Amino acid sequence: MQKLFILLLVLVSTSCKDIIDEERIYESSVELLAPTDAAILSDIDVNFAWSSVEGADEYVIQIATPNFGNPTQIVTDSTVVTTSFSTTLLVATNYEWRIKAKNPNYETAFSTRSLEIQ
């Protein structure tokens, strides 16, 4: 019985330590690098890039057309562990893209930009 109590105590303290040590990234923001805001592109193959956030384990990228305020379509909703994402946007139209950083307990707000494919 005493061994079980010690084991439970170790498990509980380890779990709490993980939460306490987790980087509180909610006050950070993702710096979007490319494409620039309101970019006009002629190539349908688009490479998105952003800076890393210290303490983030993954990033959520979402792409909508024409924008997130009034989306007619969510083109992409993906989670990646890198700071870049490549995709093909098949329709020549306006898009909005956004990124947020996440770890198991916290996340940043979305950083958003627009672009147009001609």
N, C-alpha and C. Protein backbone atom coordinates (compact mmCIF):
# COMPACT_ATOMS: atom_id res chain seq x y z
N MET A 1 0.83 -1.20 0.00
CA MET A 1 0.00 0.00 0.00
C MET A 1 0.87 1.25 0.00
N GLN A 2 1.94 1.22 0.77
CA GLN A 2 2.83 2.37 0.84
C GLN A 2 3.51 2.60 -0.51
N LYS A 3 3.88 1.51 -1.21
CA LYS A 3 4.50 1.64 -2.53
C LYS A 3 3.53 2.26 -3.53
N LEU A 4 2.25 1.89 -3.45
CA LEU A 4 1.25 2.46 -4.33
C LEU A 4 1.10 3.96 -4.08
N PHE A 5 1.08 4.36 -2.83
CA PHE A 5 0.97 5.77 -2.47
C PHE A 5 2.17 6.56 -3.02
N ILE A 6 3.36 6.02 -2.89
CA ILE A 6 4.57 6.69 -3.38
C ILE A 6 4.52 6.80 -4.90
N LEU A 7 4.08 5.74 -5.56
CA LEU A 7 3.97 5.77 -7.02
C LEU A 7 2.97 6.84 -7.46
N LEU A 8 1.83 6.91 -6.82
CA LEU A 8 0.83 7.93 -7.15
C LEU A 8 1.37 9.34 -6.90
N LEU A 9 2.09 9.51 -5.81
CA LEU A 9 2.67 10.80 -5.49
C LEU A 9 3.68 11.23 -6.56
N VAL A 10 4.49 10.30 -7.03
CA VAL A 10 5.47 10.60 -8.07
C VAL A 10 4.76 10.97 -9.37
N LEU A 11 3.73 10.23 -9.75
CA LEU A 11 2.99 10.52 -10.98
C LEU A 11 2.31 11.88 -10.93
N VAL A 12 1.68 12.20 -9.81
CA VAL A 12 0.99 13.48 -9.67
C VAL A 12 1.99 14.62 -9.69
N SER A 13 3.09 14.50 -9.01
CA SER A 13 4.08 15.59 -8.98
C SER A 13 4.74 15.77 -10.33
N THR A 14 4.95 14.71 -11.08
CA THR A 14 5.53 14.82 -12.42
C THR A 14 4.56 15.55 -13.35
N SER A 15 3.29 15.20 -13.32
CA SER A 15 2.31 15.84 -14.17
C SER A 15 2.19 17.33 -13.85
N CYS A 16 2.15 17.69 -12.60
CA CYS A 16 2.06 19.09 -12.21
C CYS A 16 3.32 19.84 -12.63
N LYS A 17 4.47 19.21 -12.50
CA LYS A 17 5.73 19.84 -12.90
C LYS A 17 5.72 20.15 -14.39
N ASP A 18 5.20 19.24 -15.21
CA ASP A 18 5.12 19.47 -16.65
C ASP A 18 4.28 20.70 -16.96
N ILE A 19 3.17 20.86 -16.27
CA ILE A 19 2.29 22.01 -16.49
C ILE A 19 2.97 23.29 -16.02
N ILE A 20 3.61 23.25 -14.87
CA ILE A 20 4.29 24.43 -14.34
C ILE A 20 5.45 24.84 -15.24
N ASP A 21 6.21 23.87 -15.76
CA ASP A 21 7.36 24.17 -16.60
C ASP A 21 6.98 24.52 -18.04
N GLU A 22 5.75 24.29 -18.45
CA GLU A 22 5.33 24.57 -19.82
C GLU A 22 5.42 26.07 -20.09
N GLU A 23 6.00 26.41 -21.22
CA GLU A 23 6.17 27.80 -21.62
C GLU A 23 4.80 28.44 -21.85
N ARG A 24 4.57 29.56 -21.20
CA ARG A 24 3.30 30.29 -21.34
C ARG A 24 3.40 31.20 -22.55
N ILE A 25 3.06 30.68 -23.71
CA ILE A 25 3.26 31.40 -24.96
C ILE A 25 2.10 32.31 -25.33
N TYR A 26 1.03 32.34 -24.54
CA TYR A 26 -0.16 33.08 -24.91
C TYR A 26 0.08 34.59 -25.04
N GLU A 27 1.14 35.10 -24.45
CA GLU A 27 1.46 36.53 -24.60
C GLU A 27 2.39 36.78 -25.79
N SER A 28 2.88 35.73 -26.44
CA SER A 28 3.74 35.87 -27.61
C SER A 28 2.88 36.01 -28.86
N SER A 29 3.54 36.34 -29.96
CA SER A 29 2.83 36.37 -31.24
C SER A 29 3.73 35.79 -32.32
N VAL A 30 3.10 35.27 -33.33
CA VAL A 30 3.82 34.69 -34.47
C VAL A 30 4.09 35.81 -35.46
N GLU A 31 5.35 35.98 -35.82
CA GLU A 31 5.71 36.98 -36.83
C GLU A 31 5.63 36.32 -38.20
N LEU A 32 4.74 36.83 -39.04
CA LEU A 32 4.57 36.30 -40.38
C LEU A 32 5.63 36.91 -41.29
N LEU A 33 6.33 36.06 -42.04
CA LEU A 33 7.43 36.50 -42.88
C LEU A 33 7.06 36.60 -44.36
N ALA A 34 6.39 35.59 -44.90
CA ALA A 34 6.06 35.60 -46.33
C ALA A 34 4.84 34.72 -46.58
N PRO A 35 4.01 35.09 -47.53
CA PRO A 35 4.05 36.29 -48.32
C PRO A 35 3.72 37.53 -47.48
N THR A 36 4.14 38.70 -47.98
CA THR A 36 3.86 39.94 -47.27
C THR A 36 2.36 40.22 -47.30
N ASP A 37 1.93 41.12 -46.43
CA ASP A 37 0.50 41.45 -46.37
C ASP A 37 0.06 42.10 -47.68
N ALA A 38 -1.08 41.68 -48.16
CA ALA A 38 -1.69 42.18 -49.40
C ALA A 38 -0.84 41.85 -50.63
N ALA A 39 -0.05 40.79 -50.55
CA ALA A 39 0.77 40.38 -51.69
C ALA A 39 -0.12 39.98 -52.86
N ILE A 40 0.35 40.29 -54.04
CA ILE A 40 -0.33 39.87 -55.28
C ILE A 40 0.62 38.91 -55.98
N LEU A 41 0.19 37.65 -56.10
CA LEU A 41 1.03 36.60 -56.66
C LEU A 41 0.44 36.07 -57.96
N SER A 42 1.31 35.70 -58.88
CA SER A 42 0.83 35.10 -60.12
C SER A 42 1.02 33.59 -60.12
N ASP A 43 1.81 33.09 -59.20
CA ASP A 43 2.07 31.65 -59.09
C ASP A 43 1.07 31.03 -58.10
N ILE A 44 0.46 29.93 -58.48
CA ILE A 44 -0.51 29.28 -57.58
C ILE A 44 0.17 28.42 -56.51
N ASP A 45 1.47 28.16 -56.66
CA ASP A 45 2.23 27.45 -55.64
C ASP A 45 2.77 28.47 -54.65
N VAL A 46 2.29 28.43 -53.42
CA VAL A 46 2.62 29.46 -52.44
C VAL A 46 3.36 28.83 -51.27
N ASN A 47 4.45 29.48 -50.87
CA ASN A 47 5.22 29.07 -49.70
C ASN A 47 5.00 30.08 -48.60
N PHE A 48 4.43 29.63 -47.50
CA PHE A 48 4.18 30.48 -46.34
C PHE A 48 5.31 30.28 -45.34
N ALA A 49 5.75 31.36 -44.71
CA ALA A 49 6.83 31.27 -43.73
C ALA A 49 6.56 32.22 -42.57
N TRP A 50 7.00 31.81 -41.37
CA TRP A 50 6.82 32.61 -40.17
C TRP A 50 7.97 32.31 -39.22
N SER A 51 8.13 33.17 -38.22
CA SER A 51 9.20 32.97 -37.25
C SER A 51 8.74 31.99 -36.17
N SER A 52 9.69 31.33 -35.55
CA SER A 52 9.35 30.39 -34.48
C SER A 52 9.02 31.16 -33.20
N VAL A 53 8.22 30.54 -32.37
CA VAL A 53 7.88 31.08 -31.06
C VAL A 53 8.51 30.17 -30.02
N GLU A 54 9.31 30.76 -29.13
CA GLU A 54 9.97 29.97 -28.10
C GLU A 54 8.91 29.28 -27.22
N GLY A 55 9.04 27.99 -27.06
CA GLY A 55 8.11 27.21 -26.25
C GLY A 55 6.98 26.59 -27.05
N ALA A 56 6.89 26.89 -28.33
CA ALA A 56 5.83 26.30 -29.17
C ALA A 56 6.28 24.94 -29.69
N ASP A 57 5.35 24.02 -29.72
CA ASP A 57 5.61 22.67 -30.25
C ASP A 57 5.07 22.50 -31.66
N GLU A 58 4.05 23.31 -32.01
CA GLU A 58 3.42 23.18 -33.31
C GLU A 58 2.73 24.49 -33.67
N TYR A 59 2.34 24.57 -34.94
CA TYR A 59 1.69 25.76 -35.47
C TYR A 59 0.45 25.35 -36.24
N VAL A 60 -0.59 26.14 -36.12
CA VAL A 60 -1.82 25.92 -36.88
C VAL A 60 -1.84 26.95 -37.99
N ILE A 61 -1.94 26.49 -39.23
CA ILE A 61 -2.10 27.39 -40.37
C ILE A 61 -3.48 27.19 -40.96
N GLN A 62 -4.15 28.30 -41.19
CA GLN A 62 -5.47 28.27 -41.81
C GLN A 62 -5.47 29.25 -42.97
N ILE A 63 -6.11 28.85 -44.06
CA ILE A 63 -6.24 29.70 -45.24
C ILE A 63 -7.71 29.70 -45.62
N ALA A 64 -8.27 30.90 -45.82
CA ALA A 64 -9.68 31.04 -46.16
C ALA A 64 -9.82 31.94 -47.38
N THR A 65 -10.91 31.79 -48.08
CA THR A 65 -11.23 32.69 -49.17
C THR A 65 -12.64 33.23 -48.98
N PRO A 66 -12.93 34.49 -49.15
CA PRO A 66 -11.97 35.55 -49.36
C PRO A 66 -11.27 36.01 -48.07
N ASN A 67 -11.93 35.75 -46.91
CA ASN A 67 -11.32 36.14 -45.62
C ASN A 67 -12.00 35.38 -44.50
N PHE A 68 -11.48 35.52 -43.28
CA PHE A 68 -12.05 34.80 -42.14
C PHE A 68 -13.30 35.48 -41.59
N GLY A 69 -13.49 36.76 -41.88
CA GLY A 69 -14.69 37.46 -41.44
C GLY A 69 -15.93 37.02 -42.18
N ASN A 70 -15.75 36.61 -43.42
CA ASN A 70 -16.85 36.18 -44.27
C ASN A 70 -16.36 35.07 -45.20
N PRO A 71 -15.96 33.93 -44.64
CA PRO A 71 -15.36 32.89 -45.49
C PRO A 71 -16.39 32.17 -46.35
N THR A 72 -16.04 32.01 -47.62
CA THR A 72 -16.86 31.14 -48.46
C THR A 72 -16.28 29.73 -48.44
N GLN A 73 -14.97 29.65 -48.11
CA GLN A 73 -14.33 28.33 -48.01
C GLN A 73 -13.10 28.42 -47.13
N ILE A 74 -12.93 27.44 -46.27
CA ILE A 74 -11.68 27.24 -45.55
C ILE A 74 -10.85 26.30 -46.42
N VAL A 75 -9.81 26.82 -47.02
CA VAL A 75 -9.01 26.07 -47.98
C VAL A 75 -8.05 25.12 -47.25
N THR A 76 -7.48 25.59 -46.16
CA THR A 76 -6.51 24.80 -45.39
C THR A 76 -6.75 25.02 -43.91
N ASP A 77 -6.65 23.95 -43.16
CA ASP A 77 -6.66 23.99 -41.69
C ASP A 77 -5.74 22.86 -41.25
N SER A 78 -4.46 23.19 -41.08
CA SER A 78 -3.45 22.16 -40.82
C SER A 78 -2.60 22.52 -39.62
N THR A 79 -2.05 21.49 -39.00
CA THR A 79 -1.10 21.65 -37.91
C THR A 79 0.24 21.13 -38.38
N VAL A 80 1.28 21.96 -38.20
CA VAL A 80 2.63 21.60 -38.64
C VAL A 80 3.61 21.85 -37.50
N VAL A 81 4.75 21.21 -37.55
CA VAL A 81 5.78 21.40 -36.53
C VAL A 81 6.94 22.25 -37.04
N THR A 82 6.86 22.69 -38.29
CA THR A 82 7.89 23.53 -38.89
C THR A 82 7.40 24.97 -38.95
N THR A 83 8.24 25.87 -39.43
CA THR A 83 7.84 27.27 -39.57
C THR A 83 7.65 27.65 -41.05
N SER A 84 7.20 26.68 -41.81
CA SER A 84 6.85 26.95 -43.20
C SER A 84 5.80 25.95 -43.66
N PHE A 85 5.11 26.32 -44.72
CA PHE A 85 4.05 25.48 -45.26
C PHE A 85 3.90 25.82 -46.73
N SER A 86 3.85 24.83 -47.58
CA SER A 86 3.68 25.04 -49.02
C SER A 86 2.38 24.39 -49.48
N THR A 87 1.68 25.10 -50.35
CA THR A 87 0.43 24.57 -50.88
C THR A 87 0.18 25.16 -52.26
N THR A 88 -0.78 24.58 -52.96
CA THR A 88 -1.20 25.09 -54.26
C THR A 88 -2.61 25.65 -54.10
N LEU A 89 -2.76 26.94 -54.40
CA LEU A 89 -4.06 27.60 -54.34
C LEU A 89 -4.58 27.66 -55.77
N LEU A 90 -5.54 26.80 -56.09
CA LEU A 90 -5.94 26.56 -57.47
C LEU A 90 -6.82 27.65 -58.07
N VAL A 91 -7.43 28.47 -57.25
CA VAL A 91 -8.35 29.49 -57.76
C VAL A 91 -7.70 30.87 -57.66
N ALA A 92 -7.76 31.63 -58.74
CA ALA A 92 -7.27 33.01 -58.72
C ALA A 92 -8.31 33.86 -58.01
N THR A 93 -8.03 34.24 -56.77
CA THR A 93 -8.96 35.02 -55.95
C THR A 93 -8.22 35.60 -54.75
N ASN A 94 -8.96 36.21 -53.84
CA ASN A 94 -8.39 36.75 -52.61
C ASN A 94 -8.41 35.69 -51.50
N TYR A 95 -7.35 35.70 -50.71
CA TYR A 95 -7.22 34.76 -49.61
C TYR A 95 -6.78 35.52 -48.36
N GLU A 96 -7.07 34.92 -47.23
CA GLU A 96 -6.52 35.37 -45.96
C GLU A 96 -5.88 34.15 -45.31
N TRP A 97 -4.70 34.33 -44.71
CA TRP A 97 -4.03 33.23 -44.04
C TRP A 97 -3.65 33.66 -42.65
N ARG A 98 -3.63 32.70 -41.74
CA ARG A 98 -3.29 33.01 -40.36
C ARG A 98 -2.59 31.83 -39.71
N ILE A 99 -1.77 32.18 -38.71
CA ILE A 99 -0.96 31.20 -37.99
C ILE A 99 -1.09 31.46 -36.50
N LYS A 100 -1.12 30.38 -35.72
CA LYS A 100 -0.97 30.51 -34.27
C LYS A 100 -0.04 29.40 -33.80
N ALA A 101 0.68 29.69 -32.72
CA ALA A 101 1.60 28.73 -32.12
C ALA A 101 0.90 28.04 -30.96
N LYS A 102 1.28 26.77 -30.73
CA LYS A 102 0.65 25.99 -29.65
C LYS A 102 1.69 25.14 -28.93
N ASN A 103 1.41 24.87 -27.68
CA ASN A 103 2.08 23.79 -26.94
C ASN A 103 0.97 23.07 -26.20
N PRO A 104 1.24 22.04 -25.42
CA PRO A 104 0.15 21.27 -24.81
C PRO A 104 -0.83 22.07 -23.94
N ASN A 105 -0.39 23.20 -23.38
CA ASN A 105 -1.26 23.93 -22.45
C ASN A 105 -1.62 25.35 -22.87
N TYR A 106 -0.90 25.91 -23.85
CA TYR A 106 -1.12 27.30 -24.21
C TYR A 106 -1.07 27.48 -25.71
N GLU A 107 -1.61 28.61 -26.17
CA GLU A 107 -1.52 28.96 -27.57
C GLU A 107 -1.53 30.48 -27.70
N THR A 108 -0.97 30.96 -28.81
CA THR A 108 -0.98 32.39 -29.10
C THR A 108 -2.28 32.74 -29.82
N ALA A 109 -2.50 34.03 -29.98
CA ALA A 109 -3.58 34.47 -30.86
C ALA A 109 -3.11 34.26 -32.30
N PHE A 110 -4.04 34.26 -33.23
CA PHE A 110 -3.69 34.16 -34.64
C PHE A 110 -3.03 35.46 -35.11
N SER A 111 -2.04 35.33 -35.99
CA SER A 111 -1.49 36.44 -36.76
C SER A 111 -2.01 36.24 -38.18
N THR A 112 -2.53 37.32 -38.79
CA THR A 112 -3.27 37.18 -40.05
C THR A 112 -2.73 38.13 -41.13
N ARG A 113 -2.74 37.65 -42.36
CA ARG A 113 -2.40 38.45 -43.54
C ARG A 113 -3.31 38.06 -44.70
N SER A 114 -3.33 38.95 -45.69
CA SER A 114 -4.12 38.67 -46.89
C SER A 114 -3.18 38.53 -48.09
N LEU A 115 -3.70 37.90 -49.13
CA LEU A 115 -2.96 37.80 -50.39
C LEU A 115 -3.95 37.59 -51.51
N GLU A 116 -3.48 37.84 -52.72
CA GLU A 116 -4.32 37.64 -53.91
C GLU A 116 -3.54 36.82 -54.92
N ILE A 117 -4.21 35.86 -55.51
CA ILE A 117 -3.65 35.09 -56.62
C ILE A 117 -4.32 35.60 -57.89
N GLN A 118 -3.53 36.00 -58.86
CA GLN A 118 -4.08 36.52 -60.12
C GLN A 118 -3.93 35.51 -61.23
